[in-house]
Amino acid sequence: MISPEGARYQTGMRALFLCLTIGLLSVAGCTSLVRQDGDFFEAKGVPPDRFERDDNGCRLQAQDFLTYDPRGMDGTRYQRNRTYNGIYGRCMTAKGYRPRPYYKNWLPG
């Protein structure tokens, strides 16, 4: 038989586990809706003004597809975001930029 203190402890641990699980899942869901930008690509040896022009051009190309192409307008927010990131990523890669490693995008410094 479990004492009242032990039952309260188990209930508290379950609540803590549930809160942590829900928190982690919500953070994972939020990061799946992040739109890529110039921070996701390495621009070694490229003048800043050229990188800005390329970045803006790729953003406009991806946004135009979502705004004006019927295939881009369909789908959920998640699907539209994946489409945007795909178009943006292909555009930046075609211009010669390399994607940054995943850990460099999320860790400071």
C-alpha atoms as a PDB file:
ATOM      1  CA  MET A   1       0.000   0.000   0.000  1.00  0.00           C
ATOM      2  CA  ILE A   2       1.276   3.451  -0.952  1.00  0.00           C
ATOM      3  CA  SER A   3       1.353   6.171   1.661  1.00  0.00           C
ATOM      4  CA  PRO A   4      -0.402   9.514   0.967  1.00  0.00           C
ATOM      5  CA  GLU A   5       2.963  11.245   0.575  1.00  0.00           C
ATOM      6  CA  GLY A   6       4.086   8.629  -1.959  1.00  0.00           C
ATOM      7  CA  ALA A   7       0.862   9.026  -3.942  1.00  0.00           C
ATOM      8  CA  ARG A   8       1.312  12.817  -4.045  1.00  0.00           C
ATOM      9  CA  TYR A   9       4.914  12.352  -5.176  1.00  0.00           C
ATOM     10  CA  GLN A  10       3.858  10.009  -7.991  1.00  0.00           C
ATOM     11  CA  THR A  11       1.109  12.387  -9.100  1.00  0.00           C
ATOM     12  CA  GLY A  12       3.535  15.308  -9.093  1.00  0.00           C
ATOM     13  CA  MET A  13       6.097  13.365 -11.114  1.00  0.00           C
ATOM     14  CA  ARG A  14       3.442  12.399 -13.669  1.00  0.00           C
ATOM     15  CA  ALA A  15       2.373  16.033 -13.997  1.00  0.00           C
ATOM     16  CA  LEU A  16       5.985  17.156 -14.437  1.00  0.00           C
ATOM     17  CA  PHE A  17       6.616  14.479 -17.066  1.00  0.00           C
ATOM     18  CA  LEU A  18       3.437  15.455 -18.918  1.00  0.00           C
ATOM     19  CA  CYS A  19       4.333  19.176 -18.873  1.00  0.00           C
ATOM     20  CA  LEU A  20       7.856  18.509 -20.144  1.00  0.00           C
ATOM     21  CA  THR A  21       6.572  16.232 -22.904  1.00  0.00           C
ATOM     22  CA  ILE A  22       3.975  18.752 -24.061  1.00  0.00           C
ATOM     23  CA  GLY A  23       6.546  21.547 -23.919  1.00  0.00           C
ATOM     24  CA  LEU A  24       9.052  19.646 -26.037  1.00  0.00           C
ATOM     25  CA  LEU A  25       6.416  18.708 -28.589  1.00  0.00           C
ATOM     26  CA  SER A  26       5.230  22.291 -28.894  1.00  0.00           C
ATOM     27  CA  VAL A  27       8.788  23.545 -29.390  1.00  0.00           C
ATOM     28  CA  ALA A  28       9.357  20.893 -32.058  1.00  0.00           C
ATOM     29  CA  GLY A  29       6.153  21.972 -33.771  1.00  0.00           C
ATOM     30  CA  CYS A  30       7.165  25.624 -33.729  1.00  0.00           C
ATOM     31  CA  THR A  31      10.556  24.960 -35.274  1.00  0.00           C
ATOM     32  CA  SER A  32       8.928  23.113 -38.164  1.00  0.00           C
ATOM     33  CA  LEU A  33       7.289  26.414 -39.159  1.00  0.00           C
ATOM     34  CA  VAL A  34      10.522  28.419 -39.331  1.00  0.00           C
ATOM     35  CA  ARG A  35      11.085  30.108 -42.659  1.00  0.00           C
ATOM     36  CA  GLN A  36      14.614  29.851 -43.960  1.00  0.00           C
ATOM     37  CA  ASP A  37      16.604  32.978 -44.618  1.00  0.00           C
ATOM     38  CA  GLY A  38      20.214  33.957 -45.180  1.00  0.00           C
ATOM     39  CA  ASP A  39      21.186  32.721 -41.717  1.00  0.00           C
ATOM     40  CA  PHE A  40      20.713  29.149 -42.931  1.00  0.00           C
ATOM     41  CA  PHE A  41      23.436  29.460 -45.600  1.00  0.00           C
ATOM     42  CA  GLU A  42      27.180  30.038 -45.499  1.00  0.00           C
ATOM     43  CA  ALA A  43      28.520  32.966 -47.499  1.00  0.00           C
ATOM     44  CA  LYS A  44      32.286  32.609 -47.191  1.00  0.00           C
ATOM     45  CA  GLY A  45      34.187  34.918 -49.509  1.00  0.00           C
ATOM     46  CA  VAL A  46      31.059  36.648 -50.829  1.00  0.00           C
ATOM     47  CA  PRO A  47      30.688  40.418 -50.465  1.00  0.00           C
ATOM     48  CA  PRO A  48      27.818  41.328 -48.111  1.00  0.00           C
ATOM     49  CA  ASP A  49      25.956  43.380 -50.738  1.00  0.00           C
ATOM     50  CA  ARG A  50      25.941  40.458 -53.203  1.00  0.00           C
ATOM     51  CA  PHE A  51      24.735  38.080 -50.489  1.00  0.00           C
ATOM     52  CA  GLU A  52      21.917  40.485 -49.591  1.00  0.00           C
ATOM     53  CA  ARG A  53      20.832  40.748 -53.247  1.00  0.00           C
ATOM     54  CA  ASP A  54      20.876  36.968 -53.660  1.00  0.00           C
ATOM     55  CA  ASP A  55      19.029  36.445 -50.373  1.00  0.00           C
ATOM     56  CA  ASN A  56      16.329  38.980 -51.258  1.00  0.00           C
ATOM     57  CA  GLY A  57      15.959  37.560 -54.769  1.00  0.00           C
ATOM     58  CA  CYS A  58      15.472  34.032 -53.434  1.00  0.00           C
ATOM     59  CA  ARG A  59      12.989  35.213 -50.808  1.00  0.00           C
ATOM     60  CA  LEU A  60      10.960  36.997 -53.482  1.00  0.00           C
ATOM     61  CA  GLN A  61      11.041  33.968 -55.750  1.00  0.00           C
ATOM     62  CA  ALA A  62       9.768  31.690 -52.978  1.00  0.00           C
ATOM     63  CA  GLN A  63       7.117  34.188 -51.830  1.00  0.00           C
ATOM     64  CA  ASP A  64       5.924  34.787 -55.405  1.00  0.00           C
ATOM     65  CA  PHE A  65       5.344  31.070 -55.858  1.00  0.00           C
ATOM     66  CA  LEU A  66       3.204  30.951 -52.707  1.00  0.00           C
ATOM     67  CA  THR A  67       1.317  34.117 -53.647  1.00  0.00           C
ATOM     68  CA  TYR A  68       0.670  33.746 -57.368  1.00  0.00           C
ATOM     69  CA  ASP A  69       0.913  30.057 -58.266  1.00  0.00           C
ATOM     70  CA  PRO A  70      -2.274  28.054 -57.524  1.00  0.00           C
ATOM     71  CA  ARG A  71      -0.143  25.074 -56.428  1.00  0.00           C
ATOM     72  CA  GLY A  72       1.626  27.300 -53.891  1.00  0.00           C
ATOM     73  CA  MET A  73      -1.591  28.670 -52.418  1.00  0.00           C
ATOM     74  CA  ASP A  74      -3.016  25.238 -51.582  1.00  0.00           C
ATOM     75  CA  GLY A  75      -2.200  23.280 -48.481  1.00  0.00           C
ATOM     76  CA  THR A  76      -1.842  23.862 -44.802  1.00  0.00           C
ATOM     77  CA  ARG A  77       0.465  26.426 -43.244  1.00  0.00           C
ATOM     78  CA  TYR A  78       3.013  23.672 -42.663  1.00  0.00           C
ATOM     79  CA  GLN A  79       2.897  22.573 -46.321  1.00  0.00           C
ATOM     80  CA  ARG A  80       3.222  26.152 -47.593  1.00  0.00           C
ATOM     81  CA  ASN A  81       6.186  26.706 -45.278  1.00  0.00           C
ATOM     82  CA  ARG A  82       7.908  23.548 -46.530  1.00  0.00           C
ATOM     83  CA  THR A  83       7.318  24.702 -50.106  1.00  0.00           C
ATOM     84  CA  TYR A  84       8.790  28.133 -49.318  1.00  0.00           C
ATOM     85  CA  ASN A  85      11.855  26.589 -47.676  1.00  0.00           C
ATOM     86  CA  GLY A  86      12.337  24.194 -50.579  1.00  0.00           C
ATOM     87  CA  ILE A  87      12.209  26.917 -53.223  1.00  0.00           C
ATOM     88  CA  TYR A  88      14.392  29.255 -51.184  1.00  0.00           C
ATOM     89  CA  GLY A  89      16.937  26.507 -50.502  1.00  0.00           C
ATOM     90  CA  ARG A  90      17.154  25.453 -54.159  1.00  0.00           C
ATOM     91  CA  CYS A  91      17.584  29.072 -55.229  1.00  0.00           C
ATOM     92  CA  MET A  92      20.394  29.759 -52.743  1.00  0.00           C
ATOM     93  CA  THR A  93      22.125  26.478 -53.602  1.00  0.00           C
ATOM     94  CA  ALA A  94      21.914  27.309 -57.322  1.00  0.00           C
ATOM     95  CA  LYS A  95      23.644  30.621 -56.598  1.00  0.00           C
ATOM     96  CA  GLY A  96      26.543  28.728 -54.995  1.00  0.00           C
ATOM     97  CA  TYR A  97      25.777  28.996 -51.264  1.00  0.00           C
ATOM     98  CA  ARG A  98      26.129  25.973 -49.010  1.00  0.00           C
ATOM     99  CA  PRO A  99      23.564  25.181 -46.306  1.00  0.00           C
ATOM    100  CA  ARG A 100      24.933  25.650 -42.817  1.00  0.00           C
ATOM    101  CA  PRO A 101      25.088  22.543 -40.618  1.00  0.00           C
ATOM    102  CA  TYR A 102      21.959  22.176 -38.489  1.00  0.00           C
ATOM    103  CA  TYR A 103      23.722  22.689 -35.154  1.00  0.00           C
ATOM    104  CA  LYS A 104      25.183  26.036 -36.312  1.00  0.00           C
ATOM    105  CA  ASN A 105      21.671  27.376 -36.927  1.00  0.00           C
ATOM    106  CA  TRP A 106      20.412  26.658 -33.432  1.00  0.00           C
ATOM    107  CA  LEU A 107      23.415  26.923 -31.109  1.00  0.00           C
ATOM    108  CA  PRO A 108      24.698  30.371 -30.130  1.00  0.00           C
ATOM    109  CA  GLY A 109      28.151  31.535 -31.140  1.00  0.00           C
END
